[in-house]
């Protein structure tokens, strides 16, 4: 009985304190790293993944590089723009992206000017993606 009373006393007497170390939010360049399942597009049972590394954007099909892929390669991103812009260096494709939690929307021009919005009629190609958990 004494043990229960002692534990109850400490539980009430010890205040809950916030962590004094400020948490800095990761920059977008770090938040998008990893694998993203492409939710839009054909639903034929094939897992299509967009992988972001620090320098490259890669499209994988069933875990392997897509052989006919014209979109993979080195990319740069400008987070100062609204919406965030990116360029794929290999074919000079331009796009915009937005991250909302574990949902990523990527709009990519297919040879034309950079998309201006996230609606299908404002972009050349729109991908809706969900983060894959490791």
N, C-alpha and C. Protein backbone atom coordinates (compact mmCIF):
# COMPACT_ATOMS: atom_id res chain seq x y z
N UNK A 1 0.82 -1.20 0.00
CA UNK A 1 0.00 0.00 0.00
C UNK A 1 0.87 1.26 0.00
N UNK A 2 1.97 1.20 0.78
CA UNK A 2 2.88 2.34 0.82
C UNK A 2 3.46 2.63 -0.56
N UNK A 3 3.79 1.56 -1.31
CA UNK A 3 4.38 1.73 -2.63
C UNK A 3 3.41 2.43 -3.56
N UNK A 4 2.14 2.05 -3.52
CA UNK A 4 1.13 2.68 -4.37
C UNK A 4 0.99 4.15 -4.00
N UNK A 5 0.95 4.45 -2.69
CA UNK A 5 0.84 5.83 -2.25
C UNK A 5 2.06 6.65 -2.68
N UNK A 6 3.25 6.07 -2.58
CA UNK A 6 4.48 6.75 -2.97
C UNK A 6 4.50 7.05 -4.47
N UNK A 7 4.11 6.08 -5.27
CA UNK A 7 4.07 6.29 -6.72
C UNK A 7 3.04 7.35 -7.09
N UNK A 8 1.89 7.31 -6.44
CA UNK A 8 0.84 8.31 -6.71
C UNK A 8 1.32 9.70 -6.32
N UNK A 9 2.05 9.82 -5.22
CA UNK A 9 2.55 11.12 -4.79
C UNK A 9 3.55 11.69 -5.80
N UNK A 10 4.47 10.85 -6.27
CA UNK A 10 5.44 11.31 -7.27
C UNK A 10 4.76 11.67 -8.58
N UNK A 11 3.74 10.94 -8.95
CA UNK A 11 3.05 11.22 -10.21
C UNK A 11 2.39 12.59 -10.17
N UNK A 12 1.88 12.99 -9.02
CA UNK A 12 1.22 14.29 -8.89
C UNK A 12 2.24 15.39 -8.63
N UNK A 13 3.28 15.10 -7.87
CA UNK A 13 4.24 16.12 -7.46
C UNK A 13 5.23 16.51 -8.55
N UNK A 14 5.54 15.62 -9.47
CA UNK A 14 6.52 15.92 -10.50
C UNK A 14 5.81 16.58 -11.69
N UNK A 15 6.12 17.84 -11.96
CA UNK A 15 5.43 18.52 -13.07
C UNK A 15 5.91 18.00 -14.43
N UNK A 16 5.02 18.07 -15.39
CA UNK A 16 5.37 17.71 -16.75
C UNK A 16 6.00 18.94 -17.39
N UNK A 17 7.21 18.77 -17.87
CA UNK A 17 7.93 19.89 -18.46
C UNK A 17 8.16 19.63 -19.94
N UNK A 18 8.08 20.70 -20.69
CA UNK A 18 8.38 20.59 -22.12
C UNK A 18 9.88 20.43 -22.29
N UNK A 19 10.24 19.78 -23.37
CA UNK A 19 11.64 19.61 -23.71
C UNK A 19 12.24 20.99 -23.98
N UNK A 20 13.30 21.38 -23.22
CA UNK A 20 13.84 22.73 -23.40
C UNK A 20 14.62 22.91 -24.70
N UNK A 21 15.01 21.83 -25.34
CA UNK A 21 15.75 21.97 -26.60
C UNK A 21 14.76 22.23 -27.73
N UNK A 22 14.93 23.34 -28.42
CA UNK A 22 13.98 23.63 -29.52
C UNK A 22 14.16 22.63 -30.65
N UNK A 23 13.05 22.22 -31.20
CA UNK A 23 13.08 21.28 -32.32
C UNK A 23 13.03 22.07 -33.61
N UNK A 24 14.03 21.82 -34.42
CA UNK A 24 14.05 22.50 -35.70
C UNK A 24 13.44 21.57 -36.74
N UNK A 25 12.54 22.13 -37.51
CA UNK A 25 11.91 21.35 -38.56
C UNK A 25 12.91 21.12 -39.69
N UNK A 26 12.87 19.91 -40.23
CA UNK A 26 13.76 19.58 -41.34
C UNK A 26 13.39 20.41 -42.56
N UNK A 27 14.39 20.78 -43.36
CA UNK A 27 14.07 21.48 -44.61
C UNK A 27 13.40 20.52 -45.59
N UNK A 28 12.66 21.06 -46.52
CA UNK A 28 11.92 20.26 -47.49
C UNK A 28 12.84 19.30 -48.23
N UNK A 29 14.07 19.74 -48.53
CA UNK A 29 15.01 18.88 -49.26
C UNK A 29 15.25 17.58 -48.51
N UNK A 30 15.20 17.60 -47.18
CA UNK A 30 15.37 16.38 -46.39
C UNK A 30 14.06 15.63 -46.22
N UNK A 31 12.97 16.37 -46.11
CA UNK A 31 11.67 15.72 -45.89
C UNK A 31 11.25 14.83 -47.05
N UNK A 32 11.64 15.18 -48.27
CA UNK A 32 11.18 14.38 -49.42
C UNK A 32 12.09 13.20 -49.72
N UNK A 33 13.23 13.09 -49.04
CA UNK A 33 14.13 11.97 -49.30
C UNK A 33 13.44 10.64 -49.02
N UNK A 34 13.69 9.67 -49.87
CA UNK A 34 13.13 8.34 -49.67
C UNK A 34 12.23 7.93 -50.81
N UNK A 35 11.42 6.92 -50.55
CA UNK A 35 10.57 6.32 -51.58
C UNK A 35 9.12 6.75 -51.42
N UNK A 36 8.51 7.05 -52.56
CA UNK A 36 7.12 7.52 -52.62
C UNK A 36 6.37 6.64 -53.61
N UNK A 37 5.28 6.04 -53.18
CA UNK A 37 4.44 5.22 -54.06
C UNK A 37 3.63 6.16 -54.95
N UNK A 38 3.66 5.88 -56.25
CA UNK A 38 2.88 6.68 -57.19
C UNK A 38 1.45 6.16 -57.18
N UNK A 39 0.54 6.95 -56.60
CA UNK A 39 -0.85 6.53 -56.43
C UNK A 39 -1.69 6.81 -57.67
N UNK A 40 -1.31 7.81 -58.45
CA UNK A 40 -2.06 8.12 -59.66
C UNK A 40 -1.47 7.31 -60.81
N UNK A 41 -2.23 7.13 -61.84
CA UNK A 41 -1.72 6.38 -62.99
C UNK A 41 -2.33 4.99 -63.05
N UNK A 42 -1.76 4.12 -63.87
CA UNK A 42 -2.36 2.80 -64.07
C UNK A 42 -2.37 1.97 -62.80
N UNK A 43 -3.44 1.25 -62.59
CA UNK A 43 -3.56 0.36 -61.44
C UNK A 43 -3.51 -1.06 -61.96
N UNK A 44 -2.32 -1.51 -62.33
CA UNK A 44 -2.17 -2.84 -62.94
C UNK A 44 -1.41 -3.81 -62.04
N UNK A 45 -1.32 -3.49 -60.74
CA UNK A 45 -0.64 -4.36 -59.80
C UNK A 45 0.86 -4.19 -59.77
N UNK A 46 1.39 -3.25 -60.54
CA UNK A 46 2.83 -3.01 -60.57
C UNK A 46 3.12 -1.85 -59.62
N UNK A 47 4.10 -2.05 -58.73
CA UNK A 47 4.47 -1.00 -57.79
C UNK A 47 5.41 -0.01 -58.47
N UNK A 48 4.92 1.21 -58.63
CA UNK A 48 5.73 2.28 -59.20
C UNK A 48 6.12 3.23 -58.08
N UNK A 49 7.41 3.53 -58.01
CA UNK A 49 7.95 4.32 -56.90
C UNK A 49 8.77 5.46 -57.46
N UNK A 50 8.64 6.61 -56.85
CA UNK A 50 9.49 7.76 -57.13
C UNK A 50 10.44 7.87 -55.94
N UNK A 51 11.74 7.75 -56.19
CA UNK A 51 12.74 7.80 -55.12
C UNK A 51 13.52 9.10 -55.23
N UNK A 52 13.56 9.83 -54.11
CA UNK A 52 14.37 11.04 -54.03
C UNK A 52 15.61 10.74 -53.21
N UNK A 53 16.78 11.01 -53.79
CA UNK A 53 18.03 11.00 -53.05
C UNK A 53 18.46 12.46 -52.92
N UNK A 54 19.59 12.70 -52.33
CA UNK A 54 20.04 14.09 -52.16
C UNK A 54 20.26 14.78 -53.50
N UNK A 55 20.57 14.01 -54.54
CA UNK A 55 20.89 14.63 -55.83
C UNK A 55 20.03 14.14 -56.99
N UNK A 56 19.36 13.01 -56.85
CA UNK A 56 18.66 12.41 -57.98
C UNK A 56 17.20 12.11 -57.66
N UNK A 57 16.41 12.09 -58.72
CA UNK A 57 15.04 11.63 -58.67
C UNK A 57 14.98 10.42 -59.60
N UNK A 58 14.53 9.28 -59.08
CA UNK A 58 14.52 8.04 -59.84
C UNK A 58 13.12 7.43 -59.84
N UNK A 59 12.74 6.84 -60.96
CA UNK A 59 11.49 6.10 -61.03
C UNK A 59 11.83 4.62 -61.04
N UNK A 60 11.21 3.88 -60.11
CA UNK A 60 11.42 2.45 -59.99
C UNK A 60 10.12 1.73 -60.30
N UNK A 61 10.22 0.60 -60.98
CA UNK A 61 9.07 -0.26 -61.24
C UNK A 61 9.40 -1.62 -60.65
N UNK A 62 8.58 -2.04 -59.69
CA UNK A 62 8.83 -3.29 -58.96
C UNK A 62 10.25 -3.34 -58.42
N UNK A 63 10.74 -2.21 -57.90
CA UNK A 63 12.03 -2.15 -57.24
C UNK A 63 13.23 -1.98 -58.15
N UNK A 64 13.02 -1.91 -59.45
CA UNK A 64 14.13 -1.78 -60.40
C UNK A 64 13.97 -0.49 -61.20
N UNK A 65 15.09 0.09 -61.64
CA UNK A 65 14.98 1.30 -62.47
C UNK A 65 14.11 1.04 -63.70
N UNK A 66 13.26 1.98 -64.00
CA UNK A 66 12.37 1.89 -65.15
C UNK A 66 13.21 2.01 -66.41
N UNK A 67 13.20 1.01 -67.30
CA UNK A 67 14.10 1.03 -68.46
C UNK A 67 13.82 2.15 -69.46
N UNK A 68 12.56 2.56 -69.61
CA UNK A 68 12.22 3.61 -70.57
C UNK A 68 12.07 4.97 -69.91
N UNK A 69 12.75 5.16 -68.80
CA UNK A 69 12.55 6.35 -67.99
C UNK A 69 13.30 7.54 -68.56
N UNK A 70 12.56 8.57 -68.90
CA UNK A 70 13.16 9.82 -69.37
C UNK A 70 13.15 10.88 -68.28
N UNK A 71 12.55 10.55 -67.12
CA UNK A 71 12.37 11.54 -66.07
C UNK A 71 13.40 11.44 -64.95
N UNK A 72 14.06 10.32 -64.80
CA UNK A 72 15.03 10.15 -63.72
C UNK A 72 16.31 10.91 -64.03
N UNK A 73 17.01 11.25 -62.96
CA UNK A 73 18.30 11.89 -63.11
C UNK A 73 18.51 12.96 -62.07
N UNK A 74 19.61 13.68 -62.19
CA UNK A 74 19.90 14.76 -61.26
C UNK A 74 18.82 15.83 -61.31
N UNK A 75 18.51 16.38 -60.15
CA UNK A 75 17.51 17.44 -60.10
C UNK A 75 17.95 18.51 -59.11
N UNK A 76 17.41 19.70 -59.31
CA UNK A 76 17.63 20.80 -58.38
C UNK A 76 16.26 21.30 -57.94
N UNK A 77 16.22 21.88 -56.75
CA UNK A 77 14.96 22.35 -56.19
C UNK A 77 15.16 23.75 -55.63
N UNK A 78 14.15 24.60 -55.80
CA UNK A 78 14.19 25.96 -55.26
C UNK A 78 13.03 26.11 -54.29
N UNK A 79 13.33 25.98 -52.99
CA UNK A 79 12.29 26.05 -51.97
C UNK A 79 11.87 27.49 -51.68
N UNK A 80 12.59 28.46 -52.20
CA UNK A 80 12.22 29.86 -52.00
C UNK A 80 11.03 30.25 -52.87
N UNK A 81 10.76 29.48 -53.90
CA UNK A 81 9.63 29.76 -54.79
C UNK A 81 8.34 29.22 -54.18
N UNK A 82 7.23 29.84 -54.54
CA UNK A 82 5.93 29.36 -54.09
C UNK A 82 5.03 29.22 -55.31
N UNK A 83 4.70 28.00 -55.72
CA UNK A 83 5.08 26.73 -55.12
C UNK A 83 6.55 26.39 -55.37
N UNK A 84 7.03 25.41 -54.61
CA UNK A 84 8.42 24.96 -54.74
C UNK A 84 8.64 24.45 -56.16
N UNK A 85 9.74 24.87 -56.78
CA UNK A 85 10.03 24.45 -58.15
C UNK A 85 11.19 23.46 -58.16
N UNK A 86 11.22 22.63 -59.20
CA UNK A 86 12.35 21.74 -59.39
C UNK A 86 12.60 21.57 -60.88
N UNK A 87 13.84 21.22 -61.19
CA UNK A 87 14.25 21.00 -62.57
C UNK A 87 14.98 19.67 -62.65
N UNK A 88 14.62 18.84 -63.62
CA UNK A 88 15.34 17.61 -63.88
C UNK A 88 16.35 17.94 -64.96
N UNK A 89 17.61 17.78 -64.62
CA UNK A 89 18.69 18.26 -65.47
C UNK A 89 18.80 17.52 -66.80
N UNK A 90 18.59 16.21 -66.78
CA UNK A 90 18.86 15.39 -67.96
C UNK A 90 18.07 15.83 -69.19
N UNK A 91 16.79 16.04 -69.03
CA UNK A 91 15.95 16.42 -70.17
C UNK A 91 15.36 17.82 -70.03
N UNK A 92 15.88 18.55 -69.06
CA UNK A 92 15.43 19.93 -68.84
C UNK A 92 13.93 20.03 -68.60
N UNK A 93 13.37 19.05 -67.89
CA UNK A 93 11.97 19.11 -67.48
C UNK A 93 11.85 20.02 -66.28
N UNK A 94 10.72 20.75 -66.20
CA UNK A 94 10.47 21.67 -65.11
C UNK A 94 9.21 21.24 -64.38
N UNK A 95 9.21 21.45 -63.06
CA UNK A 95 8.03 21.07 -62.31
C UNK A 95 7.86 21.87 -61.03
N UNK A 96 6.77 21.57 -60.35
CA UNK A 96 6.47 22.13 -59.04
C UNK A 96 6.07 20.96 -58.14
N UNK A 97 6.20 21.18 -56.83
CA UNK A 97 5.78 20.14 -55.90
C UNK A 97 5.28 20.75 -54.61
N UNK A 98 4.47 19.97 -53.91
CA UNK A 98 4.02 20.37 -52.57
C UNK A 98 3.95 19.12 -51.72
N UNK A 99 4.32 19.29 -50.46
CA UNK A 99 4.32 18.21 -49.49
C UNK A 99 3.32 18.54 -48.40
N UNK A 100 2.40 17.61 -48.15
CA UNK A 100 1.41 17.76 -47.10
C UNK A 100 1.43 16.47 -46.28
N UNK A 101 2.20 16.47 -45.18
CA UNK A 101 2.34 15.27 -44.37
C UNK A 101 3.04 14.18 -45.15
N UNK A 102 2.36 13.05 -45.32
CA UNK A 102 2.93 11.93 -46.07
C UNK A 102 2.37 11.87 -47.49
N UNK A 103 1.83 12.99 -47.98
CA UNK A 103 1.32 13.08 -49.35
C UNK A 103 2.15 14.10 -50.12
N UNK A 104 2.58 13.70 -51.30
CA UNK A 104 3.39 14.56 -52.15
C UNK A 104 2.69 14.70 -53.50
N UNK A 105 2.57 15.93 -53.97
CA UNK A 105 2.02 16.18 -55.30
C UNK A 105 3.13 16.77 -56.16
N UNK A 106 3.35 16.15 -57.31
CA UNK A 106 4.37 16.60 -58.25
C UNK A 106 3.70 16.88 -59.57
N UNK A 107 3.91 18.08 -60.10
CA UNK A 107 3.42 18.44 -61.43
C UNK A 107 4.64 18.74 -62.29
N UNK A 108 4.66 18.13 -63.46
CA UNK A 108 5.84 18.18 -64.31
C UNK A 108 5.45 18.58 -65.72
N UNK A 109 6.21 19.50 -66.29
CA UNK A 109 5.98 19.85 -67.69
C UNK A 109 6.55 18.75 -68.57
N UNK A 110 5.93 18.55 -69.68
CA UNK A 110 6.42 17.54 -70.63
C UNK A 110 6.95 18.26 -71.86
N UNK A 111 7.93 19.12 -71.62
CA UNK A 111 8.53 19.87 -72.71
C UNK A 111 8.04 21.28 -72.84
N UNK A 112 6.98 21.62 -72.15
CA UNK A 112 6.43 22.98 -72.21
C UNK A 112 6.92 23.81 -71.04
N UNK A 113 6.21 24.92 -70.78
CA UNK A 113 6.60 25.77 -69.65
C UNK A 113 6.30 25.09 -68.32
N UNK A 114 6.92 25.59 -67.27
CA UNK A 114 6.69 25.06 -65.93
C UNK A 114 5.21 25.16 -65.57
N UNK A 115 4.63 24.12 -64.95
CA UNK A 115 3.23 24.21 -64.52
C UNK A 115 3.03 25.38 -63.57
N UNK A 116 1.81 25.92 -63.57
CA UNK A 116 1.51 27.07 -62.72
C UNK A 116 0.68 26.70 -61.51
N UNK A 117 0.11 25.51 -61.50
CA UNK A 117 -0.73 25.10 -60.38
C UNK A 117 -0.83 23.59 -60.31
N UNK A 118 -1.56 23.12 -59.31
CA UNK A 118 -1.64 21.68 -59.07
C UNK A 118 -2.90 21.04 -59.64
N UNK A 119 -3.75 21.81 -60.28
CA UNK A 119 -4.91 21.23 -60.95
C UNK A 119 -4.44 20.58 -62.25
N UNK A 120 -5.09 19.49 -62.66
CA UNK A 120 -4.66 18.80 -63.88
C UNK A 120 -4.61 19.70 -65.11
N UNK A 121 -5.50 20.69 -65.21
CA UNK A 121 -5.50 21.54 -66.40
C UNK A 121 -4.39 22.60 -66.36
N UNK A 122 -3.70 22.75 -65.21
CA UNK A 122 -2.61 23.71 -65.09
C UNK A 122 -1.24 23.06 -65.18
N UNK A 123 -1.21 21.75 -65.37
CA UNK A 123 0.08 21.06 -65.37
C UNK A 123 0.13 20.07 -66.52
N UNK A 124 1.34 19.78 -66.96
CA UNK A 124 1.50 18.79 -68.03
C UNK A 124 1.20 17.39 -67.54
N UNK A 125 1.74 17.04 -66.39
CA UNK A 125 1.57 15.72 -65.83
C UNK A 125 1.56 15.86 -64.31
N UNK A 126 0.54 15.30 -63.66
CA UNK A 126 0.43 15.40 -62.20
C UNK A 126 0.53 14.01 -61.59
N UNK A 127 1.40 13.88 -60.60
CA UNK A 127 1.54 12.64 -59.86
C UNK A 127 1.12 12.87 -58.42
N UNK A 128 0.31 11.97 -57.90
CA UNK A 128 -0.06 11.97 -56.49
C UNK A 128 0.69 10.81 -55.85
N UNK A 129 1.41 11.09 -54.77
CA UNK A 129 2.28 10.09 -54.17
C UNK A 129 2.06 9.99 -52.66
N UNK A 130 2.32 8.80 -52.12
CA UNK A 130 2.26 8.55 -50.69
C UNK A 130 3.60 8.01 -50.24
N UNK A 131 4.06 8.46 -49.08
CA UNK A 131 5.35 8.01 -48.56
C UNK A 131 5.28 6.52 -48.25
N UNK A 132 6.30 5.80 -48.67
CA UNK A 132 6.44 4.39 -48.33
C UNK A 132 7.24 4.30 -47.03
N UNK A 133 6.73 3.58 -46.07
CA UNK A 133 7.43 3.40 -44.80
C UNK A 133 8.42 2.27 -44.94
N UNK A 134 9.60 2.46 -44.38
CA UNK A 134 10.62 1.41 -44.42
C UNK A 134 10.48 0.49 -43.25
